[in-house]
ModelCIF file with pLDDT and N, C-alpha, C, O atoms, coordinates in Angstrom:
data_MODEL
#
_entry.id   MODEL 
#
_entity.id                         1 
_entity.type                       polymer 
_entity.pdbx_number_of_molecules   1 
#
_entity_poly.entity_id                      1 
_entity_poly.type                           'polypeptide(L)' 
_entity_poly.nstd_linkage                   no 
_entity_poly.nstd_monomer                   no 
_entity_poly.pdbx_seq_one_letter_code       LKPPHSVIFAAVTAEEQGLLGSEYLGQHPPIPAGQIALDLNYDDIQPF 
_entity_poly.pdbx_seq_one_letter_code_can   LKPPHSVIFAAVTAEEQGLLGSEYLGQHPPIPAGQIALDLNYDDIQPF 
_entity_poly.pdbx_strand_id                 A 
#
loop_
_entity_poly_seq.entity_id 
_entity_poly_seq.num 
_entity_poly_seq.mon_id 
_entity_poly_seq.hetero 
1 1  LEU n 
1 2  LYS n 
1 3  PRO n 
1 4  PRO n 
1 5  HIS n 
1 6  SER n 
1 7  VAL n 
1 8  ILE n 
1 9  PHE n 
1 10 ALA n 
1 11 ALA n 
1 12 VAL n 
1 13 THR n 
1 14 ALA n 
1 15 GLU n 
1 16 GLU n 
1 17 GLN n 
1 18 GLY n 
1 19 LEU n 
1 20 LEU n 
1 21 GLY n 
1 22 SER n 
1 23 GLU n 
1 24 TYR n 
1 25 LEU n 
1 26 GLY n 
1 27 GLN n 
1 28 HIS n 
1 29 PRO n 
1 30 PRO n 
1 31 ILE n 
1 32 PRO n 
1 33 ALA n 
1 34 GLY n 
1 35 GLN n 
1 36 ILE n 
1 37 ALA n 
1 38 LEU n 
1 39 ASP n 
1 40 LEU n 
1 41 ASN n 
1 42 TYR n 
1 43 ASP n 
1 44 ASP n 
1 45 ILE n 
1 46 GLN n 
1 47 PRO n 
1 48 PHE n 
#
_struct_asym.id          A 
_struct_asym.entity_id   1 
#
loop_
_ma_qa_metric.id 
_ma_qa_metric.mode 
_ma_qa_metric.name 
_ma_qa_metric.software_group_id 
_ma_qa_metric.type 
1 global pLDDT . pLDDT 
2 local  pLDDT . pLDDT 
#
_ma_qa_metric_global.metric_id      1 
_ma_qa_metric_global.metric_value   96.50 
_ma_qa_metric_global.model_id       1 
_ma_qa_metric_global.ordinal_id     1 
#
loop_
_ma_qa_metric_local.label_asym_id 
_ma_qa_metric_local.label_comp_id 
_ma_qa_metric_local.label_seq_id 
_ma_qa_metric_local.metric_id 
_ma_qa_metric_local.metric_value 
_ma_qa_metric_local.model_id 
_ma_qa_metric_local.ordinal_id 
A LEU 1  2 97.00 1 1  
A LYS 2  2 95.00 1 2  
A PRO 3  2 97.00 1 3  
A PRO 4  2 96.00 1 4  
A HIS 5  2 97.00 1 5  
A SER 6  2 98.00 1 6  
A VAL 7  2 98.00 1 7  
A ILE 8  2 98.00 1 8  
A PHE 9  2 98.00 1 9  
A ALA 10 2 98.00 1 10 
A ALA 11 2 98.00 1 11 
A VAL 12 2 98.00 1 12 
A THR 13 2 97.00 1 13 
A ALA 14 2 95.00 1 14 
A GLU 15 2 95.00 1 15 
A GLU 16 2 92.00 1 16 
A GLN 17 2 89.00 1 17 
A GLY 18 2 88.00 1 18 
A LEU 19 2 95.00 1 19 
A LEU 20 2 95.00 1 20 
A GLY 21 2 97.00 1 21 
A SER 22 2 98.00 1 22 
A GLU 23 2 96.00 1 23 
A TYR 24 2 97.00 1 24 
A LEU 25 2 98.00 1 25 
A GLY 26 2 97.00 1 26 
A GLN 27 2 95.00 1 27 
A HIS 28 2 97.00 1 28 
A PRO 29 2 97.00 1 29 
A PRO 30 2 97.00 1 30 
A ILE 31 2 97.00 1 31 
A PRO 32 2 96.00 1 32 
A ALA 33 2 97.00 1 33 
A GLY 34 2 97.00 1 34 
A GLN 35 2 97.00 1 35 
A ILE 36 2 98.00 1 36 
A ALA 37 2 98.00 1 37 
A LEU 38 2 98.00 1 38 
A ASP 39 2 98.00 1 39 
A LEU 40 2 98.00 1 40 
A ASN 41 2 98.00 1 41 
A TYR 42 2 98.00 1 42 
A ASP 43 2 97.00 1 43 
A ASP 44 2 96.00 1 44 
A ILE 45 2 97.00 1 45 
A GLN 46 2 96.00 1 46 
A PRO 47 2 97.00 1 47 
A PHE 48 2 96.00 1 48 
#
loop_
_atom_site.group_PDB 
_atom_site.id 
_atom_site.type_symbol 
_atom_site.label_atom_id 
_atom_site.label_alt_id 
_atom_site.label_comp_id 
_atom_site.label_asym_id 
_atom_site.label_entity_id 
_atom_site.label_seq_id 
_atom_site.pdbx_PDB_ins_code 
_atom_site.Cartn_x 
_atom_site.Cartn_y 
_atom_site.Cartn_z 
_atom_site.occupancy 
_atom_site.B_iso_or_equiv 
_atom_site.pdbx_formal_charge 
_atom_site.auth_seq_id 
_atom_site.auth_comp_id 
_atom_site.auth_asym_id 
_atom_site.auth_atom_id 
_atom_site.pdbx_PDB_model_num 
ATOM 1   N N  . LEU A 1 1  ? -73.479 145.341 74.275  1.00 97.00 ? 1  LEU A N  1 
ATOM 2   C CA . LEU A 1 1  ? -75.080 145.634 73.617  1.00 97.00 ? 1  LEU A CA 1 
ATOM 3   C C  . LEU A 1 1  ? -74.382 146.835 72.760  1.00 97.00 ? 1  LEU A C  1 
ATOM 4   O O  . LEU A 1 1  ? -73.169 146.998 72.625  1.00 97.00 ? 1  LEU A O  1 
ATOM 5   N N  . LYS A 1 2  ? -75.350 147.581 72.252  1.00 95.00 ? 2  LYS A N  1 
ATOM 6   C CA . LYS A 1 2  ? -75.190 148.631 71.712  1.00 95.00 ? 2  LYS A CA 1 
ATOM 7   C C  . LYS A 1 2  ? -75.953 149.542 71.977  1.00 95.00 ? 2  LYS A C  1 
ATOM 8   O O  . LYS A 1 2  ? -76.881 149.720 71.188  1.00 95.00 ? 2  LYS A O  1 
ATOM 9   N N  . PRO A 1 3  ? -75.859 150.253 72.925  1.00 97.00 ? 3  PRO A N  1 
ATOM 10  C CA . PRO A 1 3  ? -76.603 151.163 73.541  1.00 97.00 ? 3  PRO A CA 1 
ATOM 11  C C  . PRO A 1 3  ? -77.037 152.698 72.533  1.00 97.00 ? 3  PRO A C  1 
ATOM 12  O O  . PRO A 1 3  ? -76.089 153.238 71.964  1.00 97.00 ? 3  PRO A O  1 
ATOM 13  N N  . PRO A 1 4  ? -78.104 153.173 72.402  1.00 96.00 ? 4  PRO A N  1 
ATOM 14  C CA . PRO A 1 4  ? -78.620 154.529 71.934  1.00 96.00 ? 4  PRO A CA 1 
ATOM 15  C C  . PRO A 1 4  ? -77.786 155.459 72.169  1.00 96.00 ? 4  PRO A C  1 
ATOM 16  O O  . PRO A 1 4  ? -77.252 156.130 71.285  1.00 96.00 ? 4  PRO A O  1 
ATOM 17  N N  . HIS A 1 5  ? -77.548 155.619 73.666  1.00 97.00 ? 5  HIS A N  1 
ATOM 18  C CA . HIS A 1 5  ? -77.074 156.559 74.544  1.00 97.00 ? 5  HIS A CA 1 
ATOM 19  C C  . HIS A 1 5  ? -75.780 156.160 75.320  1.00 97.00 ? 5  HIS A C  1 
ATOM 20  O O  . HIS A 1 5  ? -75.728 155.017 75.776  1.00 97.00 ? 5  HIS A O  1 
ATOM 21  N N  . SER A 1 6  ? -74.748 156.997 75.502  1.00 98.00 ? 6  SER A N  1 
ATOM 22  C CA . SER A 1 6  ? -73.252 156.126 76.661  1.00 98.00 ? 6  SER A CA 1 
ATOM 23  C C  . SER A 1 6  ? -74.163 155.907 78.030  1.00 98.00 ? 6  SER A C  1 
ATOM 24  O O  . SER A 1 6  ? -75.124 156.453 78.572  1.00 98.00 ? 6  SER A O  1 
ATOM 25  N N  . VAL A 1 7  ? -73.005 154.424 78.336  1.00 98.00 ? 7  VAL A N  1 
ATOM 26  C CA . VAL A 1 7  ? -73.497 154.569 79.447  1.00 98.00 ? 7  VAL A CA 1 
ATOM 27  C C  . VAL A 1 7  ? -72.110 153.958 80.521  1.00 98.00 ? 7  VAL A C  1 
ATOM 28  O O  . VAL A 1 7  ? -71.287 153.042 80.546  1.00 98.00 ? 7  VAL A O  1 
ATOM 29  N N  . ILE A 1 8  ? -72.455 154.955 81.187  1.00 98.00 ? 8  ILE A N  1 
ATOM 30  C CA . ILE A 1 8  ? -70.853 155.082 82.118  1.00 98.00 ? 8  ILE A CA 1 
ATOM 31  C C  . ILE A 1 8  ? -70.781 154.372 83.570  1.00 98.00 ? 8  ILE A C  1 
ATOM 32  O O  . ILE A 1 8  ? -71.774 154.580 84.267  1.00 98.00 ? 8  ILE A O  1 
ATOM 33  N N  . PHE A 1 9  ? -69.909 153.680 84.060  1.00 98.00 ? 9  PHE A N  1 
ATOM 34  C CA . PHE A 1 9  ? -69.972 153.030 85.449  1.00 98.00 ? 9  PHE A CA 1 
ATOM 35  C C  . PHE A 1 9  ? -68.799 153.456 86.260  1.00 98.00 ? 9  PHE A C  1 
ATOM 36  O O  . PHE A 1 9  ? -67.643 153.385 85.845  1.00 98.00 ? 9  PHE A O  1 
ATOM 37  N N  . ALA A 1 10 ? -69.130 153.885 87.389  1.00 98.00 ? 10 ALA A N  1 
ATOM 38  C CA . ALA A 1 10 ? -68.311 154.878 88.203  1.00 98.00 ? 10 ALA A CA 1 
ATOM 39  C C  . ALA A 1 10 ? -68.217 153.764 89.138  1.00 98.00 ? 10 ALA A C  1 
ATOM 40  O O  . ALA A 1 10 ? -69.128 152.937 89.160  1.00 98.00 ? 10 ALA A O  1 
ATOM 41  N N  . ALA A 1 11 ? -66.974 153.629 90.096  1.00 98.00 ? 11 ALA A N  1 
ATOM 42  C CA . ALA A 1 11 ? -66.853 153.003 90.969  1.00 98.00 ? 11 ALA A CA 1 
ATOM 43  C C  . ALA A 1 11 ? -65.817 154.218 91.867  1.00 98.00 ? 11 ALA A C  1 
ATOM 44  O O  . ALA A 1 11 ? -64.747 154.729 91.535  1.00 98.00 ? 11 ALA A O  1 
ATOM 45  N N  . VAL A 1 12 ? -66.551 154.371 92.949  1.00 98.00 ? 12 VAL A N  1 
ATOM 46  C CA . VAL A 1 12 ? -66.046 155.857 93.679  1.00 98.00 ? 12 VAL A CA 1 
ATOM 47  C C  . VAL A 1 12 ? -65.660 155.525 94.762  1.00 98.00 ? 12 VAL A C  1 
ATOM 48  O O  . VAL A 1 12 ? -66.092 154.552 95.381  1.00 98.00 ? 12 VAL A O  1 
ATOM 49  N N  . THR A 1 13 ? -64.352 156.679 95.334  1.00 97.00 ? 13 THR A N  1 
ATOM 50  C CA . THR A 1 13 ? -63.906 156.471 96.293  1.00 97.00 ? 13 THR A CA 1 
ATOM 51  C C  . THR A 1 13 ? -64.149 157.632 97.592  1.00 97.00 ? 13 THR A C  1 
ATOM 52  O O  . THR A 1 13 ? -64.765 158.689 97.454  1.00 97.00 ? 13 THR A O  1 
ATOM 53  N N  . ALA A 1 14 ? -63.526 157.168 98.826  1.00 95.00 ? 14 ALA A N  1 
ATOM 54  C CA . ALA A 1 14 ? -64.082 158.299 99.476  1.00 95.00 ? 14 ALA A CA 1 
ATOM 55  C C  . ALA A 1 14 ? -65.499 158.028 99.926  1.00 95.00 ? 14 ALA A C  1 
ATOM 56  O O  . ALA A 1 14 ? -65.441 158.578 101.026 1.00 95.00 ? 14 ALA A O  1 
ATOM 57  N N  . GLU A 1 15 ? -66.345 157.707 99.865  1.00 95.00 ? 15 GLU A N  1 
ATOM 58  C CA . GLU A 1 15 ? -67.506 157.802 100.197 1.00 95.00 ? 15 GLU A CA 1 
ATOM 59  C C  . GLU A 1 15 ? -67.711 158.065 101.838 1.00 95.00 ? 15 GLU A C  1 
ATOM 60  O O  . GLU A 1 15 ? -68.355 158.853 102.530 1.00 95.00 ? 15 GLU A O  1 
ATOM 61  N N  . GLU A 1 16 ? -66.770 156.924 102.065 1.00 92.00 ? 16 GLU A N  1 
ATOM 62  C CA . GLU A 1 16 ? -67.158 157.091 104.163 1.00 92.00 ? 16 GLU A CA 1 
ATOM 63  C C  . GLU A 1 16 ? -66.404 158.236 104.419 1.00 92.00 ? 16 GLU A C  1 
ATOM 64  O O  . GLU A 1 16 ? -66.470 158.350 105.643 1.00 92.00 ? 16 GLU A O  1 
ATOM 65  N N  . GLN A 1 17 ? -65.667 159.231 103.944 1.00 89.00 ? 17 GLN A N  1 
ATOM 66  C CA . GLN A 1 17 ? -65.411 160.392 104.227 1.00 89.00 ? 17 GLN A CA 1 
ATOM 67  C C  . GLN A 1 17 ? -65.934 161.598 103.997 1.00 89.00 ? 17 GLN A C  1 
ATOM 68  O O  . GLN A 1 17 ? -65.298 162.607 104.298 1.00 89.00 ? 17 GLN A O  1 
ATOM 69  N N  . GLY A 1 18 ? -67.115 161.659 103.453 1.00 88.00 ? 18 GLY A N  1 
ATOM 70  C CA . GLY A 1 18 ? -68.564 162.055 102.981 1.00 88.00 ? 18 GLY A CA 1 
ATOM 71  C C  . GLY A 1 18 ? -68.935 162.314 101.614 1.00 88.00 ? 18 GLY A C  1 
ATOM 72  O O  . GLY A 1 18 ? -69.355 163.435 101.329 1.00 88.00 ? 18 GLY A O  1 
ATOM 73  N N  . LEU A 1 19 ? -68.869 161.735 101.042 1.00 95.00 ? 19 LEU A N  1 
ATOM 74  C CA . LEU A 1 19 ? -68.971 161.154 99.579  1.00 95.00 ? 19 LEU A CA 1 
ATOM 75  C C  . LEU A 1 19 ? -68.047 162.100 98.908  1.00 95.00 ? 19 LEU A C  1 
ATOM 76  O O  . LEU A 1 19 ? -68.517 162.837 98.041  1.00 95.00 ? 19 LEU A O  1 
ATOM 77  N N  . LEU A 1 20 ? -66.396 162.187 99.299  1.00 95.00 ? 20 LEU A N  1 
ATOM 78  C CA . LEU A 1 20 ? -65.772 163.231 98.959  1.00 95.00 ? 20 LEU A CA 1 
ATOM 79  C C  . LEU A 1 20 ? -65.405 162.319 97.007  1.00 95.00 ? 20 LEU A C  1 
ATOM 80  O O  . LEU A 1 20 ? -64.938 163.022 96.111  1.00 95.00 ? 20 LEU A O  1 
ATOM 81  N N  . GLY A 1 21 ? -65.671 161.079 96.802  1.00 97.00 ? 21 GLY A N  1 
ATOM 82  C CA . GLY A 1 21 ? -64.924 160.626 95.534  1.00 97.00 ? 21 GLY A CA 1 
ATOM 83  C C  . GLY A 1 21 ? -65.909 161.341 93.973  1.00 97.00 ? 21 GLY A C  1 
ATOM 84  O O  . GLY A 1 21 ? -65.569 161.802 92.883  1.00 97.00 ? 21 GLY A O  1 
ATOM 85  N N  . SER A 1 22 ? -67.057 161.119 94.583  1.00 98.00 ? 22 SER A N  1 
ATOM 86  C CA . SER A 1 22 ? -67.976 161.008 93.709  1.00 98.00 ? 22 SER A CA 1 
ATOM 87  C C  . SER A 1 22 ? -68.576 162.975 93.756  1.00 98.00 ? 22 SER A C  1 
ATOM 88  O O  . SER A 1 22 ? -69.243 163.547 92.894  1.00 98.00 ? 22 SER A O  1 
ATOM 89  N N  . GLU A 1 23 ? -68.132 163.450 94.814  1.00 96.00 ? 23 GLU A N  1 
ATOM 90  C CA . GLU A 1 23 ? -68.527 164.878 94.586  1.00 96.00 ? 23 GLU A CA 1 
ATOM 91  C C  . GLU A 1 23 ? -67.468 165.106 93.979  1.00 96.00 ? 23 GLU A C  1 
ATOM 92  O O  . GLU A 1 23 ? -67.743 166.122 93.340  1.00 96.00 ? 23 GLU A O  1 
ATOM 93  N N  . TYR A 1 24 ? -66.163 164.767 93.690  1.00 97.00 ? 24 TYR A N  1 
ATOM 94  C CA . TYR A 1 24 ? -64.868 165.463 92.340  1.00 97.00 ? 24 TYR A CA 1 
ATOM 95  C C  . TYR A 1 24 ? -65.836 165.094 91.338  1.00 97.00 ? 24 TYR A C  1 
ATOM 96  O O  . TYR A 1 24 ? -66.372 165.984 90.678  1.00 97.00 ? 24 TYR A O  1 
ATOM 97  N N  . LEU A 1 25 ? -66.153 163.735 91.127  1.00 98.00 ? 25 LEU A N  1 
ATOM 98  C CA . LEU A 1 25 ? -66.778 163.139 90.322  1.00 98.00 ? 25 LEU A CA 1 
ATOM 99  C C  . LEU A 1 25 ? -67.554 164.150 89.072  1.00 98.00 ? 25 LEU A C  1 
ATOM 100 O O  . LEU A 1 25 ? -67.415 164.480 87.895  1.00 98.00 ? 25 LEU A O  1 
ATOM 101 N N  . GLY A 1 26 ? -68.611 164.397 90.472  1.00 97.00 ? 26 GLY A N  1 
ATOM 102 C CA . GLY A 1 26 ? -69.565 165.591 89.664  1.00 97.00 ? 26 GLY A CA 1 
ATOM 103 C C  . GLY A 1 26 ? -69.282 166.297 89.385  1.00 97.00 ? 26 GLY A C  1 
ATOM 104 O O  . GLY A 1 26 ? -69.798 166.721 88.350  1.00 97.00 ? 26 GLY A O  1 
ATOM 105 N N  . GLN A 1 27 ? -68.355 166.980 89.942  1.00 95.00 ? 27 GLN A N  1 
ATOM 106 C CA . GLN A 1 27 ? -67.662 168.441 89.522  1.00 95.00 ? 27 GLN A CA 1 
ATOM 107 C C  . GLN A 1 27 ? -66.949 168.067 88.304  1.00 95.00 ? 27 GLN A C  1 
ATOM 108 O O  . GLN A 1 27 ? -66.651 169.061 87.641  1.00 95.00 ? 27 GLN A O  1 
ATOM 109 N N  . HIS A 1 28 ? -66.477 166.651 87.652  1.00 97.00 ? 28 HIS A N  1 
ATOM 110 C CA . HIS A 1 28 ? -65.313 166.616 86.633  1.00 97.00 ? 28 HIS A CA 1 
ATOM 111 C C  . HIS A 1 28 ? -65.820 165.864 85.978  1.00 97.00 ? 28 HIS A C  1 
ATOM 112 O O  . HIS A 1 28 ? -64.974 165.069 85.569  1.00 97.00 ? 28 HIS A O  1 
ATOM 113 N N  . PRO A 1 29 ? -67.241 165.540 85.449  1.00 97.00 ? 29 PRO A N  1 
ATOM 114 C CA . PRO A 1 29 ? -67.779 163.906 84.717  1.00 97.00 ? 29 PRO A CA 1 
ATOM 115 C C  . PRO A 1 29 ? -67.572 163.750 83.695  1.00 97.00 ? 29 PRO A C  1 
ATOM 116 O O  . PRO A 1 29 ? -67.819 164.640 82.881  1.00 97.00 ? 29 PRO A O  1 
ATOM 117 N N  . PRO A 1 30 ? -66.930 162.324 83.249  1.00 97.00 ? 30 PRO A N  1 
ATOM 118 C CA . PRO A 1 30 ? -66.402 162.421 81.820  1.00 97.00 ? 30 PRO A CA 1 
ATOM 119 C C  . PRO A 1 30 ? -66.770 162.512 80.402  1.00 97.00 ? 30 PRO A C  1 
ATOM 120 O O  . PRO A 1 30 ? -66.112 162.290 79.386  1.00 97.00 ? 30 PRO A O  1 
ATOM 121 N N  . ILE A 1 31 ? -68.719 163.124 80.691  1.00 97.00 ? 31 ILE A N  1 
ATOM 122 C CA . ILE A 1 31 ? -69.261 163.884 79.867  1.00 97.00 ? 31 ILE A CA 1 
ATOM 123 C C  . ILE A 1 31 ? -70.080 164.874 80.505  1.00 97.00 ? 31 ILE A C  1 
ATOM 124 O O  . ILE A 1 31 ? -70.909 164.534 81.349  1.00 97.00 ? 31 ILE A O  1 
ATOM 125 N N  . PRO A 1 32 ? -69.866 166.437 80.066  1.00 96.00 ? 32 PRO A N  1 
ATOM 126 C CA . PRO A 1 32 ? -71.582 167.009 80.956  1.00 96.00 ? 32 PRO A CA 1 
ATOM 127 C C  . PRO A 1 32 ? -72.496 166.510 81.625  1.00 96.00 ? 32 PRO A C  1 
ATOM 128 O O  . PRO A 1 32 ? -73.241 165.537 81.507  1.00 96.00 ? 32 PRO A O  1 
ATOM 129 N N  . ALA A 1 33 ? -72.318 167.436 82.459  1.00 97.00 ? 33 ALA A N  1 
ATOM 130 C CA . ALA A 1 33 ? -73.326 166.896 83.680  1.00 97.00 ? 33 ALA A CA 1 
ATOM 131 C C  . ALA A 1 33 ? -74.920 166.948 83.179  1.00 97.00 ? 33 ALA A C  1 
ATOM 132 O O  . ALA A 1 33 ? -75.914 166.362 83.611  1.00 97.00 ? 33 ALA A O  1 
ATOM 133 N N  . GLY A 1 34 ? -74.761 167.788 82.212  1.00 97.00 ? 34 GLY A N  1 
ATOM 134 C CA . GLY A 1 34 ? -76.278 168.422 81.606  1.00 97.00 ? 34 GLY A CA 1 
ATOM 135 C C  . GLY A 1 34 ? -76.357 167.415 80.861  1.00 97.00 ? 34 GLY A C  1 
ATOM 136 O O  . GLY A 1 34 ? -77.578 167.264 80.913  1.00 97.00 ? 34 GLY A O  1 
ATOM 137 N N  . GLN A 1 35 ? -75.890 166.362 80.008  1.00 97.00 ? 35 GLN A N  1 
ATOM 138 C CA . GLN A 1 35 ? -76.154 165.117 79.218  1.00 97.00 ? 35 GLN A CA 1 
ATOM 139 C C  . GLN A 1 35 ? -76.362 163.867 80.089  1.00 97.00 ? 35 GLN A C  1 
ATOM 140 O O  . GLN A 1 35 ? -77.127 162.925 79.878  1.00 97.00 ? 35 GLN A O  1 
ATOM 141 N N  . ILE A 1 36 ? -75.321 164.107 81.347  1.00 98.00 ? 36 ILE A N  1 
ATOM 142 C CA . ILE A 1 36 ? -76.323 162.443 81.980  1.00 98.00 ? 36 ILE A CA 1 
ATOM 143 C C  . ILE A 1 36 ? -77.622 162.654 82.525  1.00 98.00 ? 36 ILE A C  1 
ATOM 144 O O  . ILE A 1 36 ? -77.880 163.466 83.413  1.00 98.00 ? 36 ILE A O  1 
ATOM 145 N N  . ALA A 1 37 ? -78.565 161.766 81.868  1.00 98.00 ? 37 ALA A N  1 
ATOM 146 C CA . ALA A 1 37 ? -80.190 161.508 82.043  1.00 98.00 ? 37 ALA A CA 1 
ATOM 147 C C  . ALA A 1 37 ? -80.243 161.180 83.295  1.00 98.00 ? 37 ALA A C  1 
ATOM 148 O O  . ALA A 1 37 ? -81.112 161.700 83.995  1.00 98.00 ? 37 ALA A O  1 
ATOM 149 N N  . LEU A 1 38 ? -79.148 160.065 83.959  1.00 98.00 ? 38 LEU A N  1 
ATOM 150 C CA . LEU A 1 38 ? -79.959 159.215 85.118  1.00 98.00 ? 38 LEU A CA 1 
ATOM 151 C C  . LEU A 1 38 ? -78.592 158.790 86.030  1.00 98.00 ? 38 LEU A C  1 
ATOM 152 O O  . LEU A 1 38 ? -77.673 158.421 85.298  1.00 98.00 ? 38 LEU A O  1 
ATOM 153 N N  . ASP A 1 39 ? -78.318 158.769 87.258  1.00 98.00 ? 39 ASP A N  1 
ATOM 154 C CA . ASP A 1 39 ? -77.556 157.840 88.475  1.00 98.00 ? 39 ASP A CA 1 
ATOM 155 C C  . ASP A 1 39 ? -78.358 157.038 88.622  1.00 98.00 ? 39 ASP A C  1 
ATOM 156 O O  . ASP A 1 39 ? -79.502 157.486 88.697  1.00 98.00 ? 39 ASP A O  1 
ATOM 157 N N  . LEU A 1 40 ? -78.231 155.811 88.714  1.00 98.00 ? 40 LEU A N  1 
ATOM 158 C CA . LEU A 1 40 ? -78.477 155.166 89.604  1.00 98.00 ? 40 LEU A CA 1 
ATOM 159 C C  . LEU A 1 40 ? -77.212 153.610 90.234  1.00 98.00 ? 40 LEU A C  1 
ATOM 160 O O  . LEU A 1 40 ? -76.595 152.657 89.757  1.00 98.00 ? 40 LEU A O  1 
ATOM 161 N N  . ASN A 1 41 ? -77.452 154.241 91.470  1.00 98.00 ? 41 ASN A N  1 
ATOM 162 C CA . ASN A 1 41 ? -76.421 154.394 92.411  1.00 98.00 ? 41 ASN A CA 1 
ATOM 163 C C  . ASN A 1 41 ? -76.816 152.835 93.521  1.00 98.00 ? 41 ASN A C  1 
ATOM 164 O O  . ASN A 1 41 ? -77.848 152.788 94.190  1.00 98.00 ? 41 ASN A O  1 
ATOM 165 N N  . TYR A 1 42 ? -76.075 152.023 93.509  1.00 98.00 ? 42 TYR A N  1 
ATOM 166 C CA . TYR A 1 42 ? -76.034 150.896 94.635  1.00 98.00 ? 42 TYR A CA 1 
ATOM 167 C C  . TYR A 1 42 ? -75.219 150.893 96.039  1.00 98.00 ? 42 TYR A C  1 
ATOM 168 O O  . TYR A 1 42 ? -74.085 151.346 95.884  1.00 98.00 ? 42 TYR A O  1 
ATOM 169 N N  . ASP A 1 43 ? -75.401 150.644 96.874  1.00 97.00 ? 43 ASP A N  1 
ATOM 170 C CA . ASP A 1 43 ? -74.617 151.132 98.185  1.00 97.00 ? 43 ASP A CA 1 
ATOM 171 C C  . ASP A 1 43 ? -75.609 150.058 99.160  1.00 97.00 ? 43 ASP A C  1 
ATOM 172 O O  . ASP A 1 43 ? -76.837 149.983 99.188  1.00 97.00 ? 43 ASP A O  1 
ATOM 173 N N  . ASP A 1 44 ? -74.404 149.140 100.064 1.00 96.00 ? 44 ASP A N  1 
ATOM 174 C CA . ASP A 1 44 ? -74.689 148.334 101.021 1.00 96.00 ? 44 ASP A CA 1 
ATOM 175 C C  . ASP A 1 44 ? -76.019 147.655 100.969 1.00 96.00 ? 44 ASP A C  1 
ATOM 176 O O  . ASP A 1 44 ? -76.869 147.877 101.831 1.00 96.00 ? 44 ASP A O  1 
ATOM 177 N N  . ILE A 1 45 ? -76.257 146.651 99.759  1.00 97.00 ? 45 ILE A N  1 
ATOM 178 C CA . ILE A 1 45 ? -77.064 146.235 99.222  1.00 97.00 ? 45 ILE A CA 1 
ATOM 179 C C  . ILE A 1 45 ? -76.971 144.381 100.063 1.00 97.00 ? 45 ILE A C  1 
ATOM 180 O O  . ILE A 1 45 ? -76.135 143.520 99.786  1.00 97.00 ? 45 ILE A O  1 
ATOM 181 N N  . GLN A 1 46 ? -78.085 144.269 101.057 1.00 96.00 ? 46 GLN A N  1 
ATOM 182 C CA . GLN A 1 46 ? -77.863 143.452 102.159 1.00 96.00 ? 46 GLN A CA 1 
ATOM 183 C C  . GLN A 1 46 ? -78.433 141.473 101.192 1.00 96.00 ? 46 GLN A C  1 
ATOM 184 O O  . GLN A 1 46 ? -79.594 141.125 100.975 1.00 96.00 ? 46 GLN A O  1 
ATOM 185 N N  . PRO A 1 47 ? -77.374 140.790 100.915 1.00 97.00 ? 47 PRO A N  1 
ATOM 186 C CA . PRO A 1 47 ? -77.763 139.395 100.274 1.00 97.00 ? 47 PRO A CA 1 
ATOM 187 C C  . PRO A 1 47 ? -78.738 138.391 101.244 1.00 97.00 ? 47 PRO A C  1 
ATOM 188 O O  . PRO A 1 47 ? -78.410 137.240 101.531 1.00 97.00 ? 47 PRO A O  1 
ATOM 189 N N  . PHE A 1 48 ? -80.046 139.064 101.715 1.00 96.00 ? 48 PHE A N  1 
ATOM 190 C CA . PHE A 1 48 ? -80.805 138.640 102.210 1.00 96.00 ? 48 PHE A CA 1 
ATOM 191 C C  . PHE A 1 48 ? -81.762 137.195 101.884 1.00 96.00 ? 48 PHE A C  1 
ATOM 192 O O  . PHE A 1 48 ? -82.664 136.865 102.654 1.00 96.00 ? 48 PHE A O  1 
#
């Protein structure tokens, strides 16, 4: 697709150690955090 705004995909490390990879990404995002409208996270989706 050609979306109107950017779409970022982030597979982060060290979540099980206290959300450390995402903590670092939050402090060093690919574009300024103020320009990210929304984060949708997927974690442990049971295949039921």
